[in-house]
N, C-alpha and C. Protein backbone atom coordinates (compact mmCIF):
# COMPACT_ATOMS: atom_id res chain seq x y z
N MET A 1 97.70 101.19 105.69
CA MET A 1 97.65 102.46 105.01
C MET A 1 96.18 102.89 104.93
N THR A 2 95.93 104.16 105.16
CA THR A 2 94.55 104.67 105.15
C THR A 2 94.04 104.82 103.71
N PRO A 3 92.72 104.82 103.53
CA PRO A 3 92.18 105.04 102.19
C PRO A 3 92.66 106.35 101.56
N ASP A 4 92.71 107.42 102.34
CA ASP A 4 93.18 108.70 101.80
C ASP A 4 94.64 108.61 101.34
N ALA A 5 95.46 107.89 102.07
CA ALA A 5 96.87 107.74 101.68
C ALA A 5 96.99 106.93 100.39
N ILE A 6 96.15 105.91 100.23
CA ILE A 6 96.17 105.11 99.00
C ILE A 6 95.74 105.98 97.82
N LEU A 7 94.66 106.74 97.98
CA LEU A 7 94.17 107.59 96.89
C LEU A 7 95.19 108.66 96.51
N ALA A 8 95.97 109.11 97.48
CA ALA A 8 96.98 110.14 97.22
C ALA A 8 98.12 109.63 96.33
N LEU A 9 98.22 108.32 96.15
CA LEU A 9 99.26 107.73 95.31
C LEU A 9 98.94 107.88 93.81
N TYR A 10 97.75 108.32 93.50
CA TYR A 10 97.30 108.41 92.11
C TYR A 10 97.10 109.85 91.68
N ASP A 11 97.14 110.07 90.35
CA ASP A 11 96.84 111.37 89.75
C ASP A 11 95.37 111.36 89.32
N TRP A 12 94.68 112.45 89.56
CA TRP A 12 93.23 112.51 89.35
C TRP A 12 92.85 113.57 88.33
N GLN A 13 91.80 113.28 87.57
CA GLN A 13 91.24 114.23 86.61
C GLN A 13 89.74 113.92 86.48
N ILE A 14 88.99 114.82 85.93
CA ILE A 14 87.57 114.61 85.74
C ILE A 14 87.35 113.64 84.57
N GLY A 15 86.47 112.69 84.75
CA GLY A 15 86.19 111.72 83.70
C GLY A 15 85.11 110.76 84.12
N ALA A 16 85.09 109.59 83.49
CA ALA A 16 84.10 108.56 83.77
C ALA A 16 84.80 107.29 84.25
N CYS A 17 84.15 106.60 85.17
CA CYS A 17 84.69 105.36 85.73
C CYS A 17 84.24 104.17 84.90
N PHE A 18 85.19 103.38 84.42
CA PHE A 18 84.86 102.22 83.61
C PHE A 18 84.17 101.14 84.44
N ARG A 19 84.42 101.14 85.74
CA ARG A 19 83.96 100.04 86.58
C ARG A 19 82.53 100.22 87.07
N CYS A 20 82.19 101.41 87.55
CA CYS A 20 80.84 101.65 88.08
C CYS A 20 79.97 102.46 87.12
N GLY A 21 80.59 103.05 86.10
CA GLY A 21 79.83 103.76 85.09
C GLY A 21 79.50 105.21 85.40
N GLN A 22 79.91 105.71 86.56
CA GLN A 22 79.62 107.10 86.88
C GLN A 22 80.48 108.03 86.03
N ALA A 23 79.92 109.19 85.70
CA ALA A 23 80.63 110.16 84.86
C ALA A 23 80.78 111.48 85.61
N ASP A 24 81.66 112.33 85.09
CA ASP A 24 81.90 113.66 85.64
C ASP A 24 82.31 113.63 87.12
N LEU A 25 83.28 112.80 87.42
CA LEU A 25 83.85 112.75 88.76
C LEU A 25 85.35 112.53 88.61
N PHE A 26 86.07 112.65 89.72
CA PHE A 26 87.51 112.46 89.67
C PHE A 26 87.81 110.98 89.46
N VAL A 27 88.66 110.72 88.45
CA VAL A 27 89.08 109.36 88.12
C VAL A 27 90.59 109.35 87.90
N THR A 28 91.15 108.16 87.95
CA THR A 28 92.57 107.98 87.66
C THR A 28 92.71 106.87 86.63
N ARG A 29 93.72 107.00 85.79
CA ARG A 29 93.96 105.99 84.75
C ARG A 29 94.43 104.71 85.42
N VAL A 30 93.80 103.58 85.04
CA VAL A 30 94.21 102.30 85.60
C VAL A 30 94.67 101.30 84.55
N ASP A 31 94.34 101.54 83.29
CA ASP A 31 94.78 100.64 82.23
C ASP A 31 94.34 101.20 80.89
N GLU A 32 94.65 100.47 79.83
CA GLU A 32 94.15 100.85 78.51
C GLU A 32 93.86 99.58 77.73
N ILE A 33 92.97 99.72 76.78
CA ILE A 33 92.63 98.63 75.87
C ILE A 33 93.12 99.03 74.49
N VAL A 34 93.77 98.10 73.81
CA VAL A 34 94.19 98.33 72.43
C VAL A 34 93.42 97.33 71.58
N THR A 35 92.65 97.84 70.63
CA THR A 35 91.86 96.98 69.76
C THR A 35 92.74 96.35 68.69
N PRO A 36 92.24 95.34 68.03
CA PRO A 36 93.01 94.73 66.93
C PRO A 36 93.36 95.73 65.83
N ARG A 37 92.57 96.80 65.70
CA ARG A 37 92.85 97.83 64.69
C ARG A 37 93.86 98.86 65.20
N GLY A 38 94.32 98.70 66.45
CA GLY A 38 95.30 99.62 67.00
C GLY A 38 94.74 100.82 67.71
N GLU A 39 93.42 100.89 67.87
CA GLU A 39 92.81 102.00 68.60
C GLU A 39 93.03 101.80 70.10
N LYS A 40 93.34 102.88 70.79
CA LYS A 40 93.58 102.79 72.23
C LYS A 40 92.47 103.49 72.99
N TYR A 41 92.00 102.82 74.03
CA TYR A 41 90.98 103.37 74.91
C TYR A 41 91.49 103.32 76.34
N GLU A 42 91.49 104.45 77.00
CA GLU A 42 91.96 104.53 78.38
C GLU A 42 90.86 104.09 79.33
N LEU A 43 91.23 103.29 80.32
CA LEU A 43 90.32 102.89 81.38
C LEU A 43 90.67 103.67 82.63
N SER A 44 89.67 104.35 83.17
CA SER A 44 89.88 105.13 84.39
C SER A 44 88.87 104.69 85.44
N ALA A 45 89.21 104.86 86.71
CA ALA A 45 88.34 104.44 87.80
C ALA A 45 88.22 105.56 88.84
N CYS A 46 87.06 105.61 89.48
CA CYS A 46 86.82 106.59 90.55
C CYS A 46 87.47 106.12 91.85
N GLY A 47 87.49 106.98 92.83
CA GLY A 47 88.14 106.65 94.10
C GLY A 47 87.56 105.44 94.78
N SER A 48 86.25 105.31 94.78
CA SER A 48 85.62 104.16 95.42
C SER A 48 86.02 102.86 94.74
N CYS A 49 86.04 102.87 93.42
CA CYS A 49 86.43 101.66 92.68
C CYS A 49 87.93 101.38 92.82
N VAL A 50 88.74 102.43 92.86
CA VAL A 50 90.18 102.24 93.08
C VAL A 50 90.41 101.56 94.43
N LEU A 51 89.72 102.01 95.46
CA LEU A 51 89.89 101.39 96.78
C LEU A 51 89.44 99.93 96.76
N ALA A 52 88.37 99.62 96.04
CA ALA A 52 87.91 98.23 95.93
C ALA A 52 88.95 97.39 95.20
N MET A 53 89.51 97.92 94.12
CA MET A 53 90.52 97.17 93.37
C MET A 53 91.81 97.02 94.18
N GLU A 54 92.18 98.04 94.94
CA GLU A 54 93.36 97.94 95.81
C GLU A 54 93.15 96.87 96.87
N GLU A 55 91.93 96.78 97.40
CA GLU A 55 91.64 95.74 98.39
C GLU A 55 91.76 94.36 97.75
N GLU A 56 91.31 94.21 96.51
CA GLU A 56 91.48 92.94 95.80
C GLU A 56 92.96 92.63 95.62
N ARG A 57 93.75 93.63 95.27
CA ARG A 57 95.20 93.44 95.11
C ARG A 57 95.84 93.01 96.43
N ARG A 58 95.41 93.65 97.53
CA ARG A 58 95.95 93.33 98.85
C ARG A 58 95.65 91.89 99.22
N ARG A 59 94.40 91.47 99.01
CA ARG A 59 94.02 90.09 99.34
C ARG A 59 94.76 89.08 98.46
N PHE A 60 94.93 89.41 97.18
CA PHE A 60 95.66 88.53 96.26
C PHE A 60 97.11 88.35 96.74
N ALA A 61 97.75 89.47 97.08
CA ALA A 61 99.14 89.40 97.57
C ALA A 61 99.21 88.57 98.85
N GLU A 62 98.26 88.76 99.74
CA GLU A 62 98.24 88.02 101.00
C GLU A 62 98.11 86.52 100.74
N ARG A 63 97.21 86.14 99.84
CA ARG A 63 97.03 84.72 99.52
C ARG A 63 98.28 84.11 98.92
N ARG A 64 99.04 84.89 98.19
CA ARG A 64 100.25 84.40 97.53
C ARG A 64 101.50 84.54 98.40
N GLY A 65 101.34 85.11 99.59
CA GLY A 65 102.48 85.29 100.47
C GLY A 65 103.43 86.37 100.00
N ARG A 66 102.90 87.33 99.25
CA ARG A 66 103.71 88.42 98.71
C ARG A 66 103.41 89.72 99.44
N ALA A 67 104.32 90.65 99.32
CA ALA A 67 104.12 91.97 99.92
C ALA A 67 103.13 92.76 99.07
N TYR A 68 102.25 93.47 99.73
CA TYR A 68 101.29 94.34 99.05
C TYR A 68 101.88 95.74 98.98
N ASP A 69 101.97 96.27 97.77
CA ASP A 69 102.49 97.61 97.54
C ASP A 69 101.38 98.43 96.89
N PRO A 70 100.68 99.27 97.67
CA PRO A 70 99.57 100.04 97.11
C PRO A 70 100.04 101.03 96.06
N GLY A 71 99.12 101.40 95.18
CA GLY A 71 99.42 102.38 94.16
C GLY A 71 99.83 101.76 92.84
N GLY A 72 99.71 100.45 92.68
CA GLY A 72 100.19 99.78 91.49
C GLY A 72 99.21 99.68 90.34
N LEU A 73 97.97 100.11 90.51
CA LEU A 73 97.01 100.03 89.42
C LEU A 73 97.51 100.90 88.26
N GLY A 74 97.47 100.35 87.08
CA GLY A 74 97.92 101.08 85.90
C GLY A 74 99.42 101.03 85.68
N ARG A 75 100.14 100.36 86.57
CA ARG A 75 101.59 100.24 86.41
C ARG A 75 102.01 98.78 86.27
N GLY A 76 101.04 97.95 85.98
CA GLY A 76 101.35 96.53 85.83
C GLY A 76 101.55 95.83 87.16
N GLY A 77 101.25 96.49 88.26
CA GLY A 77 101.39 95.86 89.57
C GLY A 77 100.25 94.92 89.84
N ALA A 78 100.54 93.74 90.36
CA ALA A 78 99.48 92.77 90.64
C ALA A 78 99.16 92.75 92.11
C-alpha cells in the first residue's frame, strides 16, 4: 500500500503532533490519555509520524506472523 493510500485511511485536522512536536499542521487522532483525575488529553500525529508508526505496526505484525491491516492507529489496532 502506498503512503498516500495509508494516509487516506485517516481523518485530518489542523493541530499539533505529540510525537515530533510540530504545531499548526494536519494531524490525526491516534490515542488519548486519561489522567487519574479523569482529565482526557487527545494525542494526534502528523502524516510523517503516522507513516513511521504504521511502519512499526507492519514490522510488528510481520515478526508475529500476523496480517498487517493499515489504518489501525487510534482504533486499538496493534
